[in-house]
Amino acid sequence: MIPRFRLLLASAAALALSGASAHAQSPATQPKAVVELFTSQGCSSCPPADALFVELSKNPEIIVLTLPVTYWDYLGWKDTLGQEAFTRRQKFYAKARGDGQVYTPQAVINGASHMVGSDGAEIDRQLRKQGATGLSVKIQLQEEAGALTIRLAATEGRTGGVWLLPTLRSAVVPIGRGENHGRTVSYANVVRGMVKIAEWDGREAVLTAPLAATRTADSDGYVVIVQADQPTSYGQMPGVIIGAARSLR
């Protein structure tokens, strides 16, 4: 079950923040794309993709997210970072696209196109194609007095869920069994949870949530995404990512 936090809604006037202790994200740092990697420590084909995403994470124009899945755990090594929620997300993407393709390593760009996660040339091609105009929803984040403020610019014809994803910027895992026995694998921006904090109707909005919602026991950052819902015969599935912002710290 994906945890939910009660969202505190307030007017822009009531949430006007000032003072040297406030931290705000500059509009100039708005990312052009979000790239998700579905990977597994039990997948012998995954380390090259994991290494590629460590390099991609250095590009300030994109947000890289690593989501370790659990369906290869039976091969002899239980993924130490894997979560069932990530396995479900990958399967939901496949249902939303209608192609049913679930594999590792799999990269998904902006919740839409997918490709082999180690195929740097194809990822670069799709990033150039999809990231040419950037994400349509502009987001500003601000932290002050134990609260996270999320400001969404009005975007005609766009609606979606606002999600908060605590992340671990870097992880190094020695693998003791399974197909990658004896290898030590590095990961970047590993997602440690997914919290849906609001539904957004496309109008200018100011949302707040406690900063505690951005933290888990093993996270040191977070990402906020706005993702459209994709109606399917299975119900609502995750659709296109239309906005994103990374943590300030």
Protein backbone atom coordinates (compact mmCIF):
# COMPACT_ATOMS: atom_id res chain seq x y z
CA MET A 1 0.00 0.00 0.00
CA ILE A 2 1.45 3.39 -1.00
CA PRO A 3 1.36 5.66 2.07
CA ARG A 4 -0.52 8.93 1.87
CA PHE A 5 -0.02 12.07 3.90
CA ARG A 6 -2.76 14.58 4.58
CA LEU A 7 -1.94 17.60 2.48
CA LEU A 8 -2.20 21.06 3.99
CA LEU A 9 -3.66 23.51 1.51
CA ALA A 10 -3.24 27.23 1.91
CA SER A 11 -3.54 30.35 -0.16
CA ALA A 12 -0.50 31.88 -1.74
CA ALA A 13 -0.82 34.88 0.53
CA ALA A 14 -0.90 32.78 3.67
CA LEU A 15 2.13 30.83 2.51
CA ALA A 16 4.31 33.77 1.52
CA LEU A 17 7.71 32.79 2.85
CA SER A 18 10.61 35.09 3.53
CA GLY A 19 13.86 35.27 5.47
CA ALA A 20 17.35 33.92 5.08
CA SER A 21 16.39 30.48 6.43
CA ALA A 22 14.05 29.74 3.52
CA HIS A 23 15.43 27.73 0.61
CA ALA A 24 13.83 28.08 -2.82
CA GLN A 25 14.52 26.37 -6.11
CA SER A 26 15.31 28.70 -8.97
CA PRO A 27 13.06 28.38 -12.04
CA ALA A 28 16.27 28.07 -14.10
CA THR A 29 16.91 24.64 -12.60
CA GLN A 30 13.67 23.13 -13.94
CA PRO A 31 14.51 19.69 -15.39
CA LYS A 32 13.73 18.73 -18.98
CA ALA A 33 12.97 15.05 -18.34
CA VAL A 34 12.60 12.31 -15.74
CA VAL A 35 14.29 8.98 -16.48
CA GLU A 36 13.37 5.95 -14.37
CA LEU A 37 15.46 2.78 -14.25
CA PHE A 38 13.87 -0.50 -13.21
CA THR A 39 16.75 -2.69 -12.15
CA SER A 40 17.64 -5.61 -9.88
CA GLN A 41 20.69 -6.82 -8.01
CA GLY A 42 19.73 -10.31 -9.18
CA CYS A 43 19.89 -9.39 -12.88
CA SER A 44 23.21 -10.08 -14.61
CA SER A 45 22.35 -7.59 -17.38
CA CYS A 46 21.71 -4.71 -14.99
CA PRO A 47 25.13 -3.49 -13.76
CA PRO A 48 25.95 -1.69 -17.06
CA ALA A 49 22.62 0.14 -16.82
CA ASP A 50 23.24 0.98 -13.16
CA ALA A 51 26.63 2.45 -14.09
CA LEU A 52 25.11 4.43 -16.97
CA PHE A 53 22.51 5.95 -14.65
CA VAL A 54 25.21 7.01 -12.21
CA GLU A 55 26.68 9.02 -15.08
CA LEU A 56 23.29 10.33 -16.23
CA SER A 57 22.57 11.54 -12.71
CA LYS A 58 25.35 14.12 -13.12
CA ASN A 59 23.34 15.94 -15.79
CA PRO A 60 21.42 18.78 -14.07
CA GLU A 61 18.91 18.94 -16.93
CA ILE A 62 17.38 15.55 -16.13
CA ILE A 63 16.16 13.79 -13.01
CA VAL A 64 17.30 10.17 -12.74
CA LEU A 65 15.37 7.75 -10.53
CA THR A 66 16.45 4.18 -9.74
CA LEU A 67 13.64 1.79 -8.77
CA PRO A 68 14.90 -1.69 -7.81
CA VAL A 69 12.28 -4.41 -8.40
CA THR A 70 11.75 -7.68 -6.55
CA TYR A 71 10.75 -10.32 -9.11
CA TRP A 72 14.30 -11.67 -9.51
CA ASP A 73 14.76 -12.26 -5.78
CA TYR A 74 14.12 -15.98 -6.25
CA LEU A 75 17.40 -16.36 -8.16
CA GLY A 76 19.35 -16.56 -4.91
CA TRP A 77 19.83 -12.95 -3.83
CA LYS A 78 17.15 -10.68 -2.38
CA ASP A 79 17.60 -7.15 -3.66
CA THR A 80 18.57 -5.05 -0.65
CA LEU A 81 16.95 -1.93 -2.14
CA GLY A 82 13.97 -3.56 -3.88
CA GLN A 83 10.36 -2.67 -3.10
CA GLU A 84 7.14 -4.29 -4.24
CA ALA A 85 5.78 -0.81 -4.99
CA PHE A 86 8.41 -0.42 -7.72
CA THR A 87 7.52 -3.79 -9.23
CA ARG A 88 3.87 -2.71 -9.34
CA ARG A 89 4.78 0.63 -10.89
CA GLN A 90 6.71 -1.06 -13.69
CA LYS A 91 3.83 -3.45 -14.38
CA PHE A 92 1.33 -0.57 -14.32
CA TYR A 93 3.42 1.29 -16.90
CA ALA A 94 3.32 -1.77 -19.17
CA LYS A 95 -0.46 -1.97 -18.82
CA ALA A 96 -0.86 1.77 -19.45
CA ARG A 97 1.24 1.53 -22.63
CA GLY A 98 -0.59 -1.62 -23.67
CA ASP A 99 2.57 -3.51 -24.66
CA GLY A 100 2.95 -5.65 -21.53
CA GLN A 101 6.75 -5.37 -21.64
CA VAL A 102 8.28 -5.79 -18.18
CA TYR A 103 12.01 -6.52 -18.02
CA THR A 104 15.28 -5.43 -16.45
CA PRO A 105 17.10 -3.24 -17.02
CA GLN A 106 14.29 -1.06 -18.34
CA ALA A 107 14.41 2.72 -18.69
CA VAL A 108 11.22 4.76 -18.87
CA ILE A 109 11.39 8.40 -19.95
CA ASN A 110 8.73 10.81 -18.69
CA GLY A 111 6.43 7.90 -17.90
CA ALA A 112 6.02 7.18 -21.61
CA SER A 113 8.63 5.59 -23.89
CA HIS A 114 10.75 2.66 -22.71
CA MET A 115 14.00 1.08 -23.83
CA VAL A 116 16.78 -1.16 -22.53
CA GLY A 117 18.32 0.65 -19.59
CA SER A 118 21.89 0.15 -20.75
CA ASP A 119 21.20 1.52 -24.27
CA GLY A 120 22.83 4.91 -23.85
CA ALA A 121 22.39 5.89 -27.48
CA GLU A 122 18.63 5.29 -27.47
CA ILE A 123 18.19 6.99 -24.11
CA ASP A 124 20.08 10.00 -25.44
CA ARG A 125 17.96 10.03 -28.61
CA GLN A 126 14.72 9.94 -26.65
CA LEU A 127 15.94 12.58 -24.22
CA ARG A 128 16.72 14.89 -27.12
CA LYS A 129 13.29 14.21 -28.60
CA GLN A 130 11.19 14.41 -25.44
CA GLY A 131 13.31 16.93 -23.58
CA ALA A 132 13.47 19.49 -26.36
CA THR A 133 10.71 21.62 -24.85
CA GLY A 134 11.09 20.52 -21.24
CA LEU A 135 8.36 19.41 -18.86
CA SER A 136 5.19 21.46 -19.22
CA VAL A 137 4.42 22.02 -15.53
CA LYS A 138 6.75 24.42 -13.75
CA ILE A 139 7.36 23.69 -10.07
CA GLN A 140 9.04 25.67 -7.30
CA LEU A 141 9.98 24.10 -3.97
CA GLN A 142 10.58 25.93 -0.72
CA GLU A 143 11.55 24.63 2.73
CA GLU A 144 10.98 26.55 5.92
CA ALA A 145 9.96 25.87 9.51
CA GLY A 146 9.60 22.14 9.02
CA ALA A 147 7.36 22.43 5.96
CA LEU A 148 7.79 21.85 2.24
CA THR A 149 5.91 24.25 -0.02
CA ILE A 150 5.21 23.17 -3.60
CA ARG A 151 4.15 25.88 -6.04
CA LEU A 152 2.63 24.74 -9.33
CA ALA A 153 2.24 27.17 -12.21
CA ALA A 154 -1.08 27.10 -14.08
CA THR A 155 -0.85 24.83 -17.12
CA GLU A 156 -3.84 24.67 -19.46
CA GLY A 157 -5.09 21.20 -20.27
CA ARG A 158 -2.89 19.46 -17.70
CA THR A 159 -3.97 17.59 -14.57
CA GLY A 160 -2.36 14.89 -12.49
CA GLY A 161 -1.26 13.56 -9.15
CA VAL A 162 1.48 15.28 -7.16
CA TRP A 163 3.92 12.72 -5.77
CA LEU A 164 6.75 13.01 -3.26
CA LEU A 165 9.60 10.50 -3.64
CA PRO A 166 12.28 10.32 -0.92
CA THR A 167 15.60 9.31 -2.53
CA LEU A 168 19.06 8.07 -1.62
CA ARG A 169 21.54 9.93 -3.78
CA SER A 170 24.15 7.18 -3.80
CA ALA A 171 24.28 3.54 -2.76
CA VAL A 172 27.06 0.96 -3.09
CA VAL A 173 26.02 -2.66 -2.63
CA PRO A 174 28.30 -5.73 -2.49
CA ILE A 175 26.31 -8.69 -3.83
CA GLY A 176 26.93 -11.97 -2.07
CA ARG A 177 24.91 -14.47 -4.11
CA GLY A 178 22.98 -14.91 -7.33
CA GLU A 179 23.90 -13.94 -10.88
CA ASN A 180 26.00 -10.97 -9.74
CA HIS A 181 27.82 -12.85 -6.97
CA GLY A 182 31.05 -11.09 -6.02
CA ARG A 183 30.21 -7.80 -7.74
CA THR A 184 29.87 -4.43 -6.04
CA VAL A 185 27.30 -2.24 -7.76
CA SER A 186 26.79 1.53 -7.45
CA TYR A 187 23.39 3.19 -7.78
CA ALA A 188 22.24 6.80 -8.12
CA ASN A 189 19.07 8.44 -6.79
CA VAL A 190 17.47 5.28 -5.44
CA VAL A 191 13.79 5.84 -4.66
CA ARG A 192 12.92 4.89 -1.07
CA GLY A 193 9.19 5.54 -1.12
CA MET A 194 6.29 7.08 -3.04
CA VAL A 195 3.81 9.40 -1.33
CA LYS A 196 0.84 10.82 -3.23
CA ILE A 197 0.11 14.17 -1.62
CA ALA A 198 -2.53 15.76 -3.87
CA GLU A 199 -4.58 15.68 -7.04
CA TRP A 200 -3.94 18.76 -9.17
CA ASP A 201 -6.48 20.34 -11.52
CA GLY A 202 -4.14 22.38 -13.71
CA ARG A 203 -4.70 25.70 -11.98
CA GLU A 204 -2.05 27.65 -10.11
CA ALA A 205 -1.66 26.01 -6.72
CA VAL A 206 0.34 26.20 -3.53
CA LEU A 207 0.57 22.94 -1.58
CA THR A 208 2.35 22.20 1.66
CA ALA A 209 3.46 19.00 3.35
CA PRO A 210 5.57 18.32 6.44
CA LEU A 211 9.27 17.98 5.70
CA ALA A 212 9.11 14.70 7.61
CA ALA A 213 7.26 13.29 4.60
CA THR A 214 10.40 13.79 2.49
CA ARG A 215 12.53 11.61 4.75
CA THR A 216 12.86 7.91 5.35
CA ALA A 217 15.45 6.10 7.43
CA ASP A 218 17.77 5.73 4.43
CA SER A 219 17.03 8.79 2.27
CA ASP A 220 18.98 12.01 1.92
CA GLY A 221 16.97 13.86 -0.72
CA TYR A 222 13.65 13.86 -2.52
CA VAL A 223 11.96 14.49 -5.86
CA VAL A 224 8.50 15.91 -6.53
CA ILE A 225 6.75 14.81 -9.71
CA VAL A 226 3.42 15.62 -11.30
CA GLN A 227 2.13 12.63 -13.23
CA ALA A 228 -1.02 12.35 -15.32
CA ASP A 229 -3.33 9.38 -14.84
CA GLN A 230 -3.77 6.99 -17.76
CA PRO A 231 -7.24 5.39 -17.92
CA THR A 232 -7.12 1.75 -19.02
CA SER A 233 -9.35 -1.29 -18.89
CA TYR A 234 -7.52 -2.13 -15.64
CA GLY A 235 -8.37 1.25 -14.10
CA GLN A 236 -6.20 4.33 -13.67
CA MET A 237 -2.52 3.72 -14.35
CA PRO A 238 0.50 6.06 -14.17
CA GLY A 239 0.75 8.12 -17.34
CA VAL A 240 3.00 10.86 -18.64
CA ILE A 241 5.17 12.79 -16.17
CA ILE A 242 4.42 16.45 -16.81
CA GLY A 243 6.45 18.17 -14.10
CA ALA A 244 9.31 17.47 -11.70
CA ALA A 245 11.64 19.16 -9.23
CA ARG A 246 14.49 17.87 -7.07
CA SER A 247 15.20 18.54 -3.43
CA LEU A 248 16.96 21.65 -2.28
CA ARG A 249 19.46 19.99 0.03
